[in-house]
Amino acid sequence: MENNDDIALSGTYIQTFGENVRPSWVFYTTSEKLDFMMNFYNPICHSSVIYRKNFVDKNAINYDIAKKCAQDYDFYKQILLRGGKLANIPEILVKYRMHLNRLTDIKETQEIQINNAAKIKKELLSRFFNEKIITEISALTLGFPFNDYSKDNVIAAINKTAVEYIRINKGFEQISNEIKNDIISNLYKF
């Protein structure tokens, strides 16, 4: 954070262990890739986060308790929508224990989390798309992050979203291709 004044919040790579282990979902490091992937899932591990308090205070960002089981995702969304940049340090600095009693794995709270995350994704996608396109993209990618969806659906959603990012930022075309390759190689690890 001291070396990157433009970063408002950073996480780190993680190592998962315990029961019901899934591979890490944290594999993007740059603000451009994280901003893009935030449209589909939360690519930052909450327990690894450090953020700039002055940015959060200046922009009146807080944890929204109404976003139960997705407050962290909403917090990161607020930072993005107020012009902050996100990053992940490409070093494992957190060991993340998985167990069957995690909120993400309990049926009742899992539904709450999925519903609140879907609302957050729609808020992020509304930066670029109308409601019809947001609904189309959202229908393709509703899981954590993509575990229940076909590769074709995920790639279709990413392609549809990337077109708008490329229109806004011509330099994003290379990043978009890298993301698609990352998704294809990591998709079925979840």
N, C-alpha and C. Protein backbone atom coordinates (compact mmCIF):
# COMPACT_ATOMS: atom_id res chain seq x y z
N MET A 1 0.84 -1.19 0.00
CA MET A 1 0.00 0.00 0.00
C MET A 1 0.89 1.25 0.00
N GLU A 2 2.00 1.19 0.71
CA GLU A 2 2.91 2.33 0.72
C GLU A 2 3.52 2.59 -0.66
N ASN A 3 3.71 1.55 -1.44
CA ASN A 3 4.32 1.69 -2.76
C ASN A 3 3.30 1.96 -3.86
N ASN A 4 2.02 1.86 -3.58
CA ASN A 4 0.97 2.03 -4.59
C ASN A 4 -0.13 2.93 -4.05
N ASP A 5 0.11 4.21 -4.10
CA ASP A 5 -0.83 5.20 -3.56
C ASP A 5 -2.20 5.16 -4.22
N ASP A 6 -2.28 4.66 -5.45
CA ASP A 6 -3.54 4.65 -6.18
C ASP A 6 -4.46 3.50 -5.78
N ILE A 7 -3.96 2.54 -5.00
CA ILE A 7 -4.76 1.38 -4.58
C ILE A 7 -5.52 1.74 -3.30
N ALA A 8 -6.84 1.60 -3.34
CA ALA A 8 -7.68 1.90 -2.17
C ALA A 8 -7.85 0.68 -1.26
N LEU A 9 -7.81 -0.53 -1.85
CA LEU A 9 -8.00 -1.76 -1.08
C LEU A 9 -7.20 -2.87 -1.72
N SER A 10 -6.57 -3.68 -0.88
CA SER A 10 -5.81 -4.82 -1.40
C SER A 10 -6.08 -6.05 -0.56
N GLY A 11 -6.13 -7.18 -1.26
CA GLY A 11 -6.17 -8.48 -0.62
C GLY A 11 -4.88 -9.21 -0.97
N THR A 12 -4.86 -10.51 -0.72
CA THR A 12 -3.70 -11.32 -1.06
C THR A 12 -4.17 -12.67 -1.60
N TYR A 13 -3.24 -13.40 -2.16
CA TYR A 13 -3.51 -14.78 -2.50
C TYR A 13 -3.75 -15.53 -1.19
N ILE A 14 -4.48 -16.64 -1.29
CA ILE A 14 -4.78 -17.45 -0.11
C ILE A 14 -4.52 -18.92 -0.40
N GLN A 15 -4.39 -19.68 0.66
CA GLN A 15 -4.31 -21.14 0.56
C GLN A 15 -5.49 -21.70 1.34
N THR A 16 -6.29 -22.53 0.69
CA THR A 16 -7.45 -23.11 1.36
C THR A 16 -7.08 -24.45 1.97
N PHE A 17 -7.76 -24.78 3.09
CA PHE A 17 -7.55 -26.07 3.75
C PHE A 17 -8.79 -26.41 4.56
N GLY A 18 -8.87 -27.64 5.05
CA GLY A 18 -9.98 -28.06 5.90
C GLY A 18 -10.96 -28.95 5.18
N GLU A 19 -12.23 -28.98 5.70
CA GLU A 19 -13.29 -29.79 5.10
C GLU A 19 -13.85 -29.09 3.87
N ASN A 20 -14.39 -29.86 2.96
CA ASN A 20 -15.09 -29.29 1.81
C ASN A 20 -14.22 -28.28 1.07
N VAL A 21 -12.94 -28.60 0.92
CA VAL A 21 -11.97 -27.67 0.35
C VAL A 21 -12.23 -27.44 -1.13
N ARG A 22 -12.22 -26.20 -1.50
CA ARG A 22 -12.24 -25.78 -2.90
C ARG A 22 -10.94 -25.04 -3.15
N PRO A 23 -10.49 -25.02 -4.37
CA PRO A 23 -9.29 -24.23 -4.66
C PRO A 23 -9.56 -22.75 -4.42
N SER A 24 -8.51 -22.00 -4.26
CA SER A 24 -8.64 -20.55 -4.08
C SER A 24 -9.37 -19.93 -5.27
N TRP A 25 -10.21 -18.97 -5.01
CA TRP A 25 -10.91 -18.20 -6.04
C TRP A 25 -10.19 -16.87 -6.29
N VAL A 26 -9.06 -16.68 -5.60
CA VAL A 26 -8.31 -15.43 -5.70
C VAL A 26 -7.12 -15.66 -6.62
N PHE A 27 -7.22 -15.19 -7.86
CA PHE A 27 -6.08 -15.33 -8.75
C PHE A 27 -5.88 -14.14 -9.67
N TYR A 28 -6.59 -13.05 -9.44
CA TYR A 28 -6.36 -11.81 -10.19
C TYR A 28 -5.66 -10.82 -9.29
N THR A 29 -4.73 -10.05 -9.85
CA THR A 29 -3.96 -9.11 -9.04
C THR A 29 -4.13 -7.66 -9.45
N THR A 30 -4.34 -7.40 -10.73
CA THR A 30 -4.37 -6.01 -11.19
C THR A 30 -5.75 -5.40 -11.02
N SER A 31 -5.77 -4.08 -10.87
CA SER A 31 -7.04 -3.39 -10.67
C SER A 31 -7.96 -3.57 -11.87
N GLU A 32 -7.40 -3.60 -13.09
CA GLU A 32 -8.24 -3.76 -14.28
C GLU A 32 -8.96 -5.11 -14.29
N LYS A 33 -8.24 -6.17 -13.99
CA LYS A 33 -8.86 -7.50 -13.98
C LYS A 33 -9.84 -7.64 -12.82
N LEU A 34 -9.48 -7.11 -11.66
CA LEU A 34 -10.38 -7.20 -10.51
C LEU A 34 -11.66 -6.40 -10.75
N ASP A 35 -11.53 -5.20 -11.30
CA ASP A 35 -12.70 -4.40 -11.62
C ASP A 35 -13.62 -5.19 -12.55
N PHE A 36 -13.07 -5.80 -13.57
CA PHE A 36 -13.86 -6.56 -14.53
C PHE A 36 -14.52 -7.77 -13.86
N MET A 37 -13.76 -8.55 -13.10
CA MET A 37 -14.29 -9.77 -12.49
C MET A 37 -15.29 -9.50 -11.38
N MET A 38 -15.23 -8.32 -10.77
CA MET A 38 -16.22 -7.97 -9.75
C MET A 38 -17.63 -7.99 -10.33
N ASN A 39 -17.78 -7.86 -11.64
CA ASN A 39 -19.09 -7.95 -12.28
C ASN A 39 -19.68 -9.36 -12.20
N PHE A 40 -18.89 -10.34 -11.85
CA PHE A 40 -19.33 -11.74 -11.87
C PHE A 40 -19.24 -12.44 -10.52
N TYR A 41 -18.25 -12.11 -9.72
CA TYR A 41 -18.10 -12.71 -8.40
C TYR A 41 -17.12 -11.87 -7.58
N ASN A 42 -16.97 -12.21 -6.30
CA ASN A 42 -16.07 -11.48 -5.41
C ASN A 42 -14.68 -12.13 -5.49
N PRO A 43 -13.72 -11.51 -6.19
CA PRO A 43 -12.41 -12.11 -6.39
C PRO A 43 -11.38 -11.74 -5.32
N ILE A 44 -11.85 -11.31 -4.14
CA ILE A 44 -10.95 -10.91 -3.05
C ILE A 44 -11.37 -11.64 -1.78
N CYS A 45 -10.40 -12.17 -1.05
CA CYS A 45 -10.69 -12.85 0.22
C CYS A 45 -10.73 -11.82 1.34
N HIS A 46 -11.86 -11.72 1.99
CA HIS A 46 -12.08 -10.71 3.02
C HIS A 46 -11.04 -10.74 4.13
N SER A 47 -10.65 -11.92 4.57
CA SER A 47 -9.71 -12.00 5.69
C SER A 47 -8.30 -11.55 5.32
N SER A 48 -8.05 -11.29 4.05
CA SER A 48 -6.72 -10.82 3.63
C SER A 48 -6.68 -9.31 3.35
N VAL A 49 -7.77 -8.62 3.57
CA VAL A 49 -7.92 -7.24 3.11
C VAL A 49 -7.26 -6.20 4.01
N ILE A 50 -6.68 -5.21 3.35
CA ILE A 50 -6.23 -3.97 3.97
C ILE A 50 -6.75 -2.85 3.08
N TYR A 51 -7.17 -1.75 3.68
CA TYR A 51 -7.71 -0.65 2.86
C TYR A 51 -7.28 0.69 3.43
N ARG A 52 -7.43 1.71 2.60
CA ARG A 52 -7.09 3.07 3.01
C ARG A 52 -8.29 3.69 3.73
N LYS A 53 -8.13 3.89 5.02
CA LYS A 53 -9.20 4.45 5.83
C LYS A 53 -9.58 5.85 5.35
N ASN A 54 -8.59 6.63 4.94
CA ASN A 54 -8.90 7.99 4.49
C ASN A 54 -9.79 7.97 3.24
N PHE A 55 -9.59 7.02 2.33
CA PHE A 55 -10.43 6.91 1.13
C PHE A 55 -11.85 6.50 1.54
N VAL A 56 -11.95 5.54 2.43
CA VAL A 56 -13.25 5.05 2.89
C VAL A 56 -14.01 6.16 3.62
N ASP A 57 -13.33 6.87 4.51
CA ASP A 57 -13.99 7.96 5.25
C ASP A 57 -14.41 9.10 4.32
N LYS A 58 -13.50 9.51 3.45
CA LYS A 58 -13.76 10.63 2.53
C LYS A 58 -14.97 10.34 1.63
N ASN A 59 -15.16 9.06 1.27
CA ASN A 59 -16.24 8.68 0.36
C ASN A 59 -17.45 8.08 1.07
N ALA A 60 -17.48 8.18 2.40
CA ALA A 60 -18.61 7.69 3.21
C ALA A 60 -18.97 6.24 2.86
N ILE A 61 -17.96 5.39 2.77
CA ILE A 61 -18.16 3.97 2.46
C ILE A 61 -18.26 3.21 3.79
N ASN A 62 -19.22 2.29 3.86
CA ASN A 62 -19.35 1.48 5.06
C ASN A 62 -19.88 0.09 4.72
N TYR A 63 -19.89 -0.77 5.72
CA TYR A 63 -20.46 -2.10 5.55
C TYR A 63 -21.97 -1.97 5.65
N ASP A 64 -22.67 -2.39 4.61
CA ASP A 64 -24.12 -2.30 4.57
C ASP A 64 -24.69 -3.60 5.15
N ILE A 65 -25.27 -3.50 6.35
CA ILE A 65 -25.78 -4.71 7.01
C ILE A 65 -26.96 -5.32 6.25
N ALA A 66 -27.58 -4.54 5.39
CA ALA A 66 -28.68 -5.08 4.57
C ALA A 66 -28.17 -6.08 3.54
N LYS A 67 -26.89 -6.06 3.26
CA LYS A 67 -26.30 -6.99 2.28
C LYS A 67 -25.76 -8.23 3.01
N LYS A 68 -26.57 -8.78 3.88
CA LYS A 68 -26.18 -9.91 4.73
C LYS A 68 -25.48 -11.00 3.92
N CYS A 69 -24.40 -11.49 4.47
CA CYS A 69 -23.57 -12.56 3.89
C CYS A 69 -22.81 -12.11 2.63
N ALA A 70 -22.91 -10.82 2.29
CA ALA A 70 -22.16 -10.30 1.14
C ALA A 70 -21.68 -8.86 1.44
N GLN A 71 -21.54 -8.52 2.73
CA GLN A 71 -21.13 -7.17 3.08
C GLN A 71 -19.75 -6.82 2.51
N ASP A 72 -18.85 -7.79 2.48
CA ASP A 72 -17.51 -7.52 1.96
C ASP A 72 -17.57 -7.19 0.47
N TYR A 73 -18.31 -7.98 -0.28
CA TYR A 73 -18.47 -7.76 -1.72
C TYR A 73 -19.06 -6.37 -1.98
N ASP A 74 -20.07 -6.00 -1.20
CA ASP A 74 -20.69 -4.70 -1.33
C ASP A 74 -19.71 -3.59 -0.98
N PHE A 75 -18.89 -3.79 0.03
CA PHE A 75 -17.86 -2.82 0.43
C PHE A 75 -16.90 -2.56 -0.73
N TYR A 76 -16.43 -3.64 -1.37
CA TYR A 76 -15.51 -3.50 -2.50
C TYR A 76 -16.21 -2.78 -3.67
N LYS A 77 -17.48 -3.12 -3.88
CA LYS A 77 -18.27 -2.46 -4.93
C LYS A 77 -18.33 -0.96 -4.69
N GLN A 78 -18.60 -0.55 -3.45
CA GLN A 78 -18.67 0.88 -3.13
C GLN A 78 -17.34 1.57 -3.44
N ILE A 79 -16.24 0.91 -3.13
CA ILE A 79 -14.92 1.49 -3.42
C ILE A 79 -14.76 1.69 -4.92
N LEU A 80 -15.12 0.67 -5.71
CA LEU A 80 -15.02 0.79 -7.17
C LEU A 80 -15.90 1.92 -7.70
N LEU A 81 -17.13 1.97 -7.24
CA LEU A 81 -18.06 2.97 -7.76
C LEU A 81 -17.68 4.40 -7.38
N ARG A 82 -16.81 4.54 -6.39
CA ARG A 82 -16.34 5.87 -6.00
C ARG A 82 -14.93 6.16 -6.52
N GLY A 83 -14.51 5.33 -7.49
CA GLY A 83 -13.24 5.60 -8.17
C GLY A 83 -12.01 4.96 -7.57
N GLY A 84 -12.19 4.12 -6.56
CA GLY A 84 -11.04 3.44 -5.95
C GLY A 84 -10.59 2.25 -6.76
N LYS A 85 -9.34 1.90 -6.60
CA LYS A 85 -8.79 0.74 -7.29
C LYS A 85 -8.54 -0.38 -6.29
N LEU A 86 -8.73 -1.62 -6.78
CA LEU A 86 -8.52 -2.82 -5.98
C LEU A 86 -7.27 -3.54 -6.48
N ALA A 87 -6.67 -4.35 -5.62
CA ALA A 87 -5.52 -5.16 -6.01
C ALA A 87 -5.48 -6.39 -5.11
N ASN A 88 -4.77 -7.40 -5.56
CA ASN A 88 -4.42 -8.56 -4.73
C ASN A 88 -2.91 -8.75 -4.83
N ILE A 89 -2.27 -8.94 -3.71
CA ILE A 89 -0.84 -9.22 -3.69
C ILE A 89 -0.66 -10.68 -4.09
N PRO A 90 0.17 -10.97 -5.10
CA PRO A 90 0.31 -12.35 -5.58
C PRO A 90 1.23 -13.19 -4.69
N GLU A 91 0.89 -13.21 -3.43
CA GLU A 91 1.65 -13.98 -2.44
C GLU A 91 0.65 -14.53 -1.43
N ILE A 92 0.79 -15.81 -1.08
CA ILE A 92 -0.12 -16.41 -0.10
C ILE A 92 0.24 -15.87 1.28
N LEU A 93 -0.63 -15.03 1.82
CA LEU A 93 -0.42 -14.44 3.14
C LEU A 93 -1.53 -14.83 4.12
N VAL A 94 -2.51 -15.60 3.62
CA VAL A 94 -3.61 -16.05 4.47
C VAL A 94 -3.89 -17.52 4.18
N LYS A 95 -4.07 -18.28 5.24
CA LYS A 95 -4.57 -19.65 5.11
C LYS A 95 -6.05 -19.58 5.47
N TYR A 96 -6.89 -20.00 4.54
CA TYR A 96 -8.34 -19.86 4.67
C TYR A 96 -8.95 -21.23 4.92
N ARG A 97 -9.50 -21.41 6.13
CA ARG A 97 -10.08 -22.70 6.51
C ARG A 97 -11.49 -22.83 5.97
N MET A 98 -11.74 -23.91 5.27
CA MET A 98 -13.07 -24.23 4.78
C MET A 98 -13.67 -25.28 5.72
N HIS A 99 -14.96 -25.15 5.98
CA HIS A 99 -15.67 -26.13 6.80
C HIS A 99 -17.14 -26.12 6.42
N LEU A 100 -17.85 -27.12 6.83
CA LEU A 100 -19.25 -27.29 6.41
C LEU A 100 -20.20 -26.30 7.06
N ASN A 101 -19.75 -25.57 8.09
CA ASN A 101 -20.61 -24.60 8.76
C ASN A 101 -20.36 -23.16 8.33
N ARG A 102 -19.61 -22.98 7.24
CA ARG A 102 -19.40 -21.63 6.71
C ARG A 102 -20.71 -21.10 6.17
N LEU A 103 -20.92 -19.80 6.26
CA LEU A 103 -22.16 -19.20 5.74
C LEU A 103 -22.35 -19.52 4.26
N THR A 104 -21.25 -19.61 3.52
CA THR A 104 -21.32 -19.92 2.09
C THR A 104 -21.83 -21.34 1.84
N ASP A 105 -21.68 -22.23 2.81
CA ASP A 105 -22.05 -23.63 2.60
C ASP A 105 -23.33 -24.05 3.31
N ILE A 106 -23.91 -23.19 4.13
CA ILE A 106 -25.17 -23.51 4.81
C ILE A 106 -26.31 -23.06 3.89
N LYS A 107 -27.22 -23.96 3.61
CA LYS A 107 -28.27 -23.71 2.61
C LYS A 107 -29.02 -22.39 2.84
N GLU A 108 -29.44 -22.12 4.06
CA GLU A 108 -30.24 -20.92 4.34
C GLU A 108 -29.44 -19.65 4.07
N THR A 109 -28.21 -19.59 4.55
CA THR A 109 -27.42 -18.37 4.34
C THR A 109 -26.83 -18.33 2.94
N GLN A 110 -26.66 -19.49 2.32
CA GLN A 110 -26.16 -19.54 0.96
C GLN A 110 -27.14 -18.83 0.02
N GLU A 111 -28.41 -19.06 0.20
CA GLU A 111 -29.42 -18.40 -0.62
C GLU A 111 -29.41 -16.89 -0.43
N ILE A 112 -29.27 -16.46 0.82
CA ILE A 112 -29.20 -15.02 1.12
C ILE A 112 -27.97 -14.43 0.43
N GLN A 113 -26.84 -15.12 0.54
CA GLN A 113 -25.61 -14.64 -0.06
C GLN A 113 -25.74 -14.55 -1.59
N ILE A 114 -26.29 -15.57 -2.21
CA ILE A 114 -26.45 -15.58 -3.67
C ILE A 114 -27.35 -14.43 -4.10
N ASN A 115 -28.46 -14.20 -3.39
CA ASN A 115 -29.39 -13.12 -3.75
C ASN A 115 -28.74 -11.75 -3.58
N ASN A 116 -28.04 -11.55 -2.47
CA ASN A 116 -27.39 -10.26 -2.26
C ASN A 116 -26.24 -10.04 -3.23
N ALA A 117 -25.48 -11.09 -3.52
CA ALA A 117 -24.40 -10.97 -4.50
C ALA A 117 -24.96 -10.65 -5.88
N ALA A 118 -26.09 -11.23 -6.23
CA ALA A 118 -26.71 -10.94 -7.53
C ALA A 118 -27.09 -9.46 -7.62
N LYS A 119 -27.59 -8.89 -6.54
CA LYS A 119 -27.93 -7.46 -6.53
C LYS A 119 -26.67 -6.60 -6.71
N ILE A 120 -25.60 -6.99 -6.06
CA ILE A 120 -24.33 -6.25 -6.17
C ILE A 120 -23.80 -6.31 -7.59
N LYS A 121 -23.85 -7.51 -8.19
CA LYS A 121 -23.39 -7.66 -9.58
C LYS A 121 -24.21 -6.76 -10.50
N LYS A 122 -25.52 -6.72 -10.30
CA LYS A 122 -26.37 -5.89 -11.15
C LYS A 122 -26.03 -4.41 -10.99
N GLU A 123 -25.72 -3.99 -9.77
CA GLU A 123 -25.33 -2.59 -9.55
C GLU A 123 -24.03 -2.28 -10.29
N LEU A 124 -23.09 -3.21 -10.28
CA LEU A 124 -21.84 -3.00 -11.00
C LEU A 124 -22.06 -3.00 -12.51
N LEU A 125 -22.83 -3.94 -13.00
CA LEU A 125 -23.10 -4.02 -14.44
C LEU A 125 -23.90 -2.80 -14.94
N SER A 126 -24.67 -2.17 -14.05
CA SER A 126 -25.47 -1.02 -14.48
C SER A 126 -24.60 0.17 -14.87
N ARG A 127 -23.30 0.10 -14.58
CA ARG A 127 -22.39 1.16 -15.05
C ARG A 127 -22.34 1.18 -16.57
N PHE A 128 -22.64 0.04 -17.20
CA PHE A 128 -22.42 -0.11 -18.63
C PHE A 128 -23.65 -0.53 -19.43
N PHE A 129 -24.61 -1.20 -18.77
CA PHE A 129 -25.68 -1.85 -19.51
C PHE A 129 -27.06 -1.45 -19.04
N ASN A 130 -28.03 -1.65 -19.93
CA ASN A 130 -29.42 -1.46 -19.54
C ASN A 130 -29.92 -2.74 -18.86
N GLU A 131 -31.11 -2.68 -18.31
CA GLU A 131 -31.66 -3.80 -17.52
C GLU A 131 -31.76 -5.10 -18.32
N LYS A 132 -32.11 -5.01 -19.59
CA LYS A 132 -32.26 -6.20 -20.42
C LYS A 132 -30.92 -6.96 -20.55
N ILE A 133 -29.87 -6.23 -20.85
CA ILE A 133 -28.55 -6.88 -21.00
C ILE A 133 -28.04 -7.37 -19.65
N ILE A 134 -28.27 -6.61 -18.59
CA ILE A 134 -27.86 -7.04 -17.25
C ILE A 134 -28.52 -8.37 -16.90
N THR A 135 -29.80 -8.49 -17.21
CA THR A 135 -30.54 -9.73 -16.94
C THR A 135 -29.94 -10.89 -17.73
N GLU A 136 -29.61 -10.65 -19.00
CA GLU A 136 -29.00 -11.70 -19.83
C GLU A 136 -27.65 -12.15 -19.26
N ILE A 137 -26.81 -11.20 -18.90
CA ILE A 137 -25.49 -11.53 -18.36
C ILE A 137 -25.64 -12.24 -17.02
N SER A 138 -26.49 -11.72 -16.17
CA SER A 138 -26.68 -12.29 -14.82
C SER A 138 -27.19 -13.73 -14.88
N ALA A 139 -28.07 -14.02 -15.82
CA ALA A 139 -28.61 -15.38 -15.93
C ALA A 139 -27.53 -16.40 -16.29
N LEU A 140 -26.47 -15.93 -16.91
CA LEU A 140 -25.39 -16.84 -17.32
C LEU A 140 -24.41 -17.14 -16.19
N THR A 141 -24.34 -16.26 -15.19
CA THR A 141 -23.30 -16.39 -14.16
C THR A 141 -23.83 -16.06 -12.77
N LEU A 142 -24.61 -16.95 -12.19
CA LEU A 142 -25.18 -16.68 -10.87
C LEU A 142 -24.49 -17.41 -9.72
N GLY A 143 -23.58 -18.31 -9.97
CA GLY A 143 -23.02 -19.13 -8.90
C GLY A 143 -21.78 -18.57 -8.28
N PHE A 144 -21.17 -19.34 -7.39
CA PHE A 144 -19.91 -18.96 -6.75
C PHE A 144 -18.79 -19.77 -7.32
N PRO A 145 -17.81 -19.12 -7.88
CA PRO A 145 -18.02 -18.05 -8.81
C PRO A 145 -18.70 -18.57 -10.04
N PHE A 146 -18.36 -19.75 -10.52
CA PHE A 146 -18.99 -20.27 -11.73
C PHE A 146 -19.26 -21.77 -11.62
N ASN A 147 -19.33 -22.30 -10.44
CA ASN A 147 -19.32 -23.75 -10.26
C ASN A 147 -20.48 -24.50 -10.91
N ASP A 148 -21.62 -23.86 -11.09
CA ASP A 148 -22.77 -24.59 -11.64
C ASP A 148 -23.08 -24.23 -13.08
N TYR A 149 -22.19 -23.54 -13.74
CA TYR A 149 -22.50 -23.03 -15.06
C TYR A 149 -21.54 -23.56 -16.11
N SER A 150 -22.05 -23.72 -17.31
CA SER A 150 -21.24 -24.26 -18.39
C SER A 150 -20.19 -23.24 -18.82
N LYS A 151 -19.09 -23.76 -19.31
CA LYS A 151 -18.02 -22.91 -19.81
C LYS A 151 -18.56 -21.97 -20.89
N ASP A 152 -19.41 -22.47 -21.77
CA ASP A 152 -19.96 -21.65 -22.85
C ASP A 152 -20.75 -20.46 -22.30
N ASN A 153 -21.57 -20.69 -21.25
CA ASN A 153 -22.34 -19.60 -20.67
C ASN A 153 -21.44 -18.54 -20.03
N VAL A 154 -20.45 -19.01 -19.30
CA VAL A 154 -19.54 -18.08 -18.63
C VAL A 154 -18.77 -17.25 -19.66
N ILE A 155 -18.25 -17.92 -20.68
CA ILE A 155 -17.50 -17.21 -21.72
C ILE A 155 -18.42 -16.23 -22.46
N ALA A 156 -19.67 -16.62 -22.70
CA ALA A 156 -20.63 -15.72 -23.36
C ALA A 156 -20.85 -14.46 -22.52
N ALA A 157 -21.01 -14.62 -21.21
CA ALA A 157 -21.21 -13.47 -20.33
C ALA A 157 -19.97 -12.59 -20.31
N ILE A 158 -18.81 -13.20 -20.25
CA ILE A 158 -17.57 -12.43 -20.23
C ILE A 158 -17.38 -11.70 -21.56
N ASN A 159 -17.65 -12.38 -22.67
CA ASN A 159 -17.53 -11.73 -23.98
C ASN A 159 -18.46 -10.53 -24.09
N LYS A 160 -19.70 -10.71 -23.66
CA LYS A 160 -20.70 -9.65 -23.76
C LYS A 160 -20.26 -8.43 -22.92
N THR A 161 -19.73 -8.69 -21.75
CA THR A 161 -19.28 -7.60 -20.88
C THR A 161 -17.99 -6.98 -21.40
N ALA A 162 -17.10 -7.80 -21.92
CA ALA A 162 -15.80 -7.30 -22.41
C ALA A 162 -15.98 -6.33 -23.57
N VAL A 163 -16.98 -6.56 -24.41
CA VAL A 163 -17.20 -5.66 -25.55
C VAL A 163 -17.37 -4.22 -25.06
N GLU A 164 -18.14 -4.05 -23.99
CA GLU A 164 -18.36 -2.69 -23.47
C GLU A 164 -17.09 -2.14 -22.83
N TYR A 165 -16.36 -2.97 -22.10
CA TYR A 165 -15.10 -2.51 -21.51
C TYR A 165 -14.12 -2.08 -22.60
N ILE A 166 -14.06 -2.84 -23.68
CA ILE A 166 -13.14 -2.52 -24.78
C ILE A 166 -13.57 -1.21 -25.44
N ARG A 167 -14.88 -0.98 -25.57
CA ARG A 167 -15.38 0.27 -26.15
C ARG A 167 -14.93 1.47 -25.32
N ILE A 168 -14.96 1.32 -24.00
CA ILE A 168 -14.60 2.40 -23.09
C ILE A 168 -13.08 2.57 -23.00
N ASN A 169 -12.37 1.46 -23.02
CA ASN A 169 -10.92 1.48 -22.82
C ASN A 169 -10.27 0.55 -23.84
N LYS A 170 -9.76 1.12 -24.89
CA LYS A 170 -9.18 0.32 -25.98
C LYS A 170 -8.08 -0.63 -25.48
N GLY A 171 -7.35 -0.24 -24.46
CA GLY A 171 -6.28 -1.08 -23.93
C GLY A 171 -6.79 -2.32 -23.22
N PHE A 172 -8.10 -2.40 -23.02
CA PHE A 172 -8.66 -3.53 -22.29
C PHE A 172 -8.73 -4.80 -23.14
N GLU A 173 -8.60 -4.70 -24.44
CA GLU A 173 -8.73 -5.88 -25.31
C GLU A 173 -7.76 -6.99 -24.90
N GLN A 174 -6.50 -6.65 -24.67
CA GLN A 174 -5.50 -7.64 -24.25
C GLN A 174 -5.87 -8.24 -22.90
N ILE A 175 -6.27 -7.39 -21.96
CA ILE A 175 -6.67 -7.86 -20.63
C ILE A 175 -7.87 -8.79 -20.75
N SER A 176 -8.82 -8.45 -21.60
CA SER A 176 -10.00 -9.27 -21.81
C SER A 176 -9.62 -10.67 -22.29
N ASN A 177 -8.71 -10.75 -23.23
CA ASN A 177 -8.25 -12.06 -23.73
C ASN A 177 -7.55 -12.84 -22.63
N GLU A 178 -6.75 -12.16 -21.81
CA GLU A 178 -6.07 -12.84 -20.69
C GLU A 178 -7.10 -13.39 -19.70
N ILE A 179 -8.12 -12.60 -19.40
CA ILE A 179 -9.16 -13.04 -18.47
C ILE A 179 -9.87 -14.27 -19.02
N LYS A 180 -10.23 -14.25 -20.30
CA LYS A 180 -10.92 -15.40 -20.89
C LYS A 180 -10.05 -16.65 -20.79
N ASN A 181 -8.77 -16.52 -21.05
CA ASN A 181 -7.86 -17.67 -20.91
C ASN A 181 -7.77 -18.13 -19.46
N ASP A 182 -7.71 -17.17 -18.52
CA ASP A 182 -7.69 -17.52 -17.10
C ASP A 182 -8.94 -18.29 -16.71
N ILE A 183 -10.10 -17.81 -17.17
CA ILE A 183 -11.37 -18.45 -16.84
C ILE A 183 -11.41 -19.86 -17.40
N ILE A 184 -11.01 -20.02 -18.64
CA ILE A 184 -11.03 -21.34 -19.26
C ILE A 184 -10.12 -22.30 -18.48
N SER A 185 -8.95 -21.84 -18.07
CA SER A 185 -8.03 -22.74 -17.36
C SER A 185 -8.43 -22.98 -15.91
N ASN A 186 -9.15 -22.04 -15.28
CA ASN A 186 -9.51 -22.17 -13.87
C ASN A 186 -10.97 -22.55 -13.63
N LEU A 187 -11.79 -22.53 -14.67
CA LEU A 187 -13.24 -22.66 -14.52
C LEU A 187 -13.66 -23.88 -13.71
N TYR A 188 -13.15 -25.02 -14.02
CA TYR A 188 -13.65 -26.23 -13.37
C TYR A 188 -12.89 -26.61 -12.12
N LYS A 189 -12.09 -25.71 -11.59
CA LYS A 189 -11.44 -25.95 -10.30
C LYS A 189 -12.41 -25.70 -9.16
N PHE A 190 -13.49 -24.98 -9.42
CA PHE A 190 -14.40 -24.58 -8.33
C PHE A 190 -15.39 -25.67 -8.02
